[in-house]
C-alpha atoms as a PDB file:
ATOM      1  CA  MET A   1      -0.009   0.018  -0.038  1.00  0.00           C
ATOM      2  CA  GLY A   2       1.650   3.201  -1.085  1.00  0.00           C
ATOM      3  CA  ALA A   3      -0.778   5.339  -3.003  1.00  0.00           C
ATOM      4  CA  LYS A   4      -2.925   7.983  -1.344  1.00  0.00           C
ATOM      5  CA  ASN A   5      -6.372   6.673  -0.215  1.00  0.00           C
ATOM      6  CA  GLN A   6      -5.489   3.068  -1.188  1.00  0.00           C
ATOM      7  CA  THR A   7      -7.684   0.485   0.462  1.00  0.00           C
ATOM      8  CA  SER A   8      -7.075  -3.180   1.312  1.00  0.00           C
ATOM      9  CA  VAL A   9      -9.788  -5.585   2.583  1.00  0.00           C
ATOM     10  CA  ILE A  10      -8.671  -8.715   4.510  1.00  0.00           C
ATOM     11  CA  ASP A  11     -11.034 -11.509   5.538  1.00  0.00           C
ATOM     12  CA  ILE A  12     -10.798 -12.502   9.166  1.00  0.00           C
ATOM     13  CA  THR A  13     -11.404 -16.120  10.133  1.00  0.00           C
ATOM     14  CA  CYS A  14     -11.264 -18.144  13.330  1.00  0.00           C
ATOM     15  CA  GLU A  15     -10.998 -21.923  13.117  1.00  0.00           C
ATOM     16  CA  GLY A  16     -11.936 -21.766   9.437  1.00  0.00           C
ATOM     17  CA  LYS A  17     -15.141 -19.737  10.016  1.00  0.00           C
ATOM     18  CA  PRO A  18     -15.543 -16.218   8.636  1.00  0.00           C
ATOM     19  CA  ARG A  19     -15.577 -13.672  11.519  1.00  0.00           C
ATOM     20  CA  GLY A  20     -15.434 -10.351   9.641  1.00  0.00           C
ATOM     21  CA  LYS A  21     -13.294  -8.059   7.576  1.00  0.00           C
ATOM     22  CA  LEU A  22     -10.286  -5.856   8.252  1.00  0.00           C
ATOM     23  CA  VAL A  23     -10.353  -2.730   6.113  1.00  0.00           C
ATOM     24  CA  VAL A  24      -7.118  -0.803   5.868  1.00  0.00           C
ATOM     25  CA  ARG A  25      -7.028   2.726   4.324  1.00  0.00           C
ATOM     26  CA  CYS A  26      -3.828   4.693   3.989  1.00  0.00           C
ATOM     27  CA  GLU A  27      -3.303   8.397   3.609  1.00  0.00           C
ATOM     28  CA  LYS A  28       0.001  10.190   3.607  1.00  0.00           C
ATOM     29  CA  LEU A  29      -0.231  13.253   5.810  1.00  0.00           C
ATOM     30  CA  THR A  30       3.298  14.610   5.920  1.00  0.00           C
ATOM     31  CA  GLU A  31       6.668  14.118   4.325  1.00  0.00           C
ATOM     32  CA  SER A  32       8.105  12.642   7.532  1.00  0.00           C
ATOM     33  CA  ASN A  33       8.675   8.883   7.889  1.00  0.00           C
ATOM     34  CA  ASN A  34       9.482   9.083  11.634  1.00  0.00           C
ATOM     35  CA  TYR A  35       6.020   8.383  13.046  1.00  0.00           C
ATOM     36  CA  MET A  36       2.883   6.561  12.125  1.00  0.00           C
ATOM     37  CA  ARG A  37      -0.459   7.358  13.766  1.00  0.00           C
ATOM     38  CA  MET A  38      -3.325   4.879  13.366  1.00  0.00           C
ATOM     39  CA  LYS A  39      -7.035   5.192  14.120  1.00  0.00           C
ATOM     40  CA  TYR A  40      -9.289   2.153  14.411  1.00  0.00           C
ATOM     41  CA  LYS A  41     -13.076   1.584  14.406  1.00  0.00           C
ATOM     42  CA  ALA A  42     -15.391  -1.380  14.254  1.00  0.00           C
ATOM     43  CA  GLN A  43     -18.947  -1.939  13.112  1.00  0.00           C
ATOM     44  CA  LYS A  44     -21.555  -4.516  14.121  1.00  0.00           C
ATOM     45  CA  LEU A  45     -19.603  -6.229  16.803  1.00  0.00           C
ATOM     46  CA  MET A  46     -21.171  -9.209  18.501  1.00  0.00           C
ATOM     47  CA  ASN A  47     -22.424  -8.462  22.016  1.00  0.00           C
ATOM     48  CA  THR A  48     -20.621 -10.831  24.334  1.00  0.00           C
ATOM     49  CA  ASP A  49     -21.460  -9.252  27.701  1.00  0.00           C
ATOM     50  CA  SER A  50     -24.749 -11.043  28.498  1.00  0.00           C
ATOM     51  CA  ILE A  51     -27.422 -12.764  26.553  1.00  0.00           C
ATOM     52  CA  PHE A  52     -29.959 -12.041  29.314  1.00  0.00           C
ATOM     53  CA  ASP A  53     -29.304  -8.248  29.633  1.00  0.00           C
ATOM     54  CA  PHE A  54     -30.469  -6.470  26.475  1.00  0.00           C
ATOM     55  CA  TRP A  55     -29.356  -3.028  27.759  1.00  0.00           C
ATOM     56  CA  ASP A  56     -25.775  -3.969  28.555  1.00  0.00           C
ATOM     57  CA  LYS A  57     -23.287  -4.053  25.579  1.00  0.00           C
ATOM     58  CA  SER A  58     -19.731  -5.270  25.163  1.00  0.00           C
ATOM     59  CA  ASP A  59     -16.876  -2.997  26.161  1.00  0.00           C
ATOM     60  CA  PRO A  60     -14.445  -3.519  23.251  1.00  0.00           C
ATOM     61  CA  TYR A  61     -10.749  -2.744  23.021  1.00  0.00           C
ATOM     62  CA  LEU A  62      -7.934  -3.780  20.731  1.00  0.00           C
ATOM     63  CA  LYS A  63      -4.717  -5.522  21.688  1.00  0.00           C
ATOM     64  CA  PHE A  64      -1.660  -5.506  19.383  1.00  0.00           C
ATOM     65  CA  LEU A  65       0.647  -8.447  19.715  1.00  0.00           C
ATOM     66  CA  LYS A  66       4.107  -9.164  18.400  1.00  0.00           C
ATOM     67  CA  LEU A  67       5.155 -12.685  17.481  1.00  0.00           C
ATOM     68  CA  ARG A  68       8.455 -13.530  19.157  1.00  0.00           C
ATOM     69  CA  ASP A  69      11.139 -15.835  17.713  1.00  0.00           C
ATOM     70  CA  ASP A  70       9.967 -18.559  20.152  1.00  0.00           C
ATOM     71  CA  ASN A  71       6.379 -18.403  18.793  1.00  0.00           C
ATOM     72  CA  THR A  72       4.963 -16.705  21.852  1.00  0.00           C
ATOM     73  CA  PHE A  73       3.252 -13.293  21.758  1.00  0.00           C
ATOM     74  CA  LEU A  74       4.155 -10.036  23.470  1.00  0.00           C
ATOM     75  CA  GLU A  75       1.519  -7.324  23.903  1.00  0.00           C
ATOM     76  CA  VAL A  76       3.018  -4.109  22.443  1.00  0.00           C
ATOM     77  CA  ALA A  77      -0.005  -1.757  22.526  1.00  0.00           C
ATOM     78  CA  ARG A  78      -3.613  -1.587  23.629  1.00  0.00           C
ATOM     79  CA  THR A  79      -6.376   0.870  22.802  1.00  0.00           C
ATOM     80  CA  ASN A  80      -8.717   2.509  25.256  1.00  0.00           C
ATOM     81  CA  THR A  81     -11.854   0.515  26.197  1.00  0.00           C
ATOM     82  CA  VAL A  82     -15.096   1.881  24.772  1.00  0.00           C
ATOM     83  CA  GLN A  83     -17.912   1.218  27.164  1.00  0.00           C
ATOM     84  CA  ASN A  84     -21.245  -0.267  25.977  1.00  0.00           C
ATOM     85  CA  ASN A  85     -20.619   0.152  22.273  1.00  0.00           C
ATOM     86  CA  LEU A  86     -20.909  -2.330  19.383  1.00  0.00           C
ATOM     87  CA  ASN A  87     -19.681   0.261  16.858  1.00  0.00           C
ATOM     88  CA  PRO A  88     -16.632   1.680  18.578  1.00  0.00           C
ATOM     89  CA  SER A  89     -14.063   4.199  17.461  1.00  0.00           C
ATOM     90  CA  TRP A  90     -10.813   4.143  19.424  1.00  0.00           C
ATOM     91  CA  ASN A  91      -8.410   6.948  20.162  1.00  0.00           C
ATOM     92  CA  PRO A  92      -5.483   7.029  17.688  1.00  0.00           C
ATOM     93  CA  ILE A  93      -2.312   5.256  18.810  1.00  0.00           C
END
């Protein structure tokens, strides 16, 4: 991805079942290559808090993991938690 406003769509699966799509859009904001700022949002997340409480919704957040040489994962970043929202937008990281 190098062109302005270029979009990639990646299918997300878990145990061979489709779970959603990851949409990545890129836009070059400055001529500097020193920093990258990313903003994330989700739509139509499944409510996993409670099947009996219709007013309570999930509190989603994102975790970013790095795969180590020994095939274990290290958490390198985490977004803020968005309370009671199935269509969250997270603060840029």
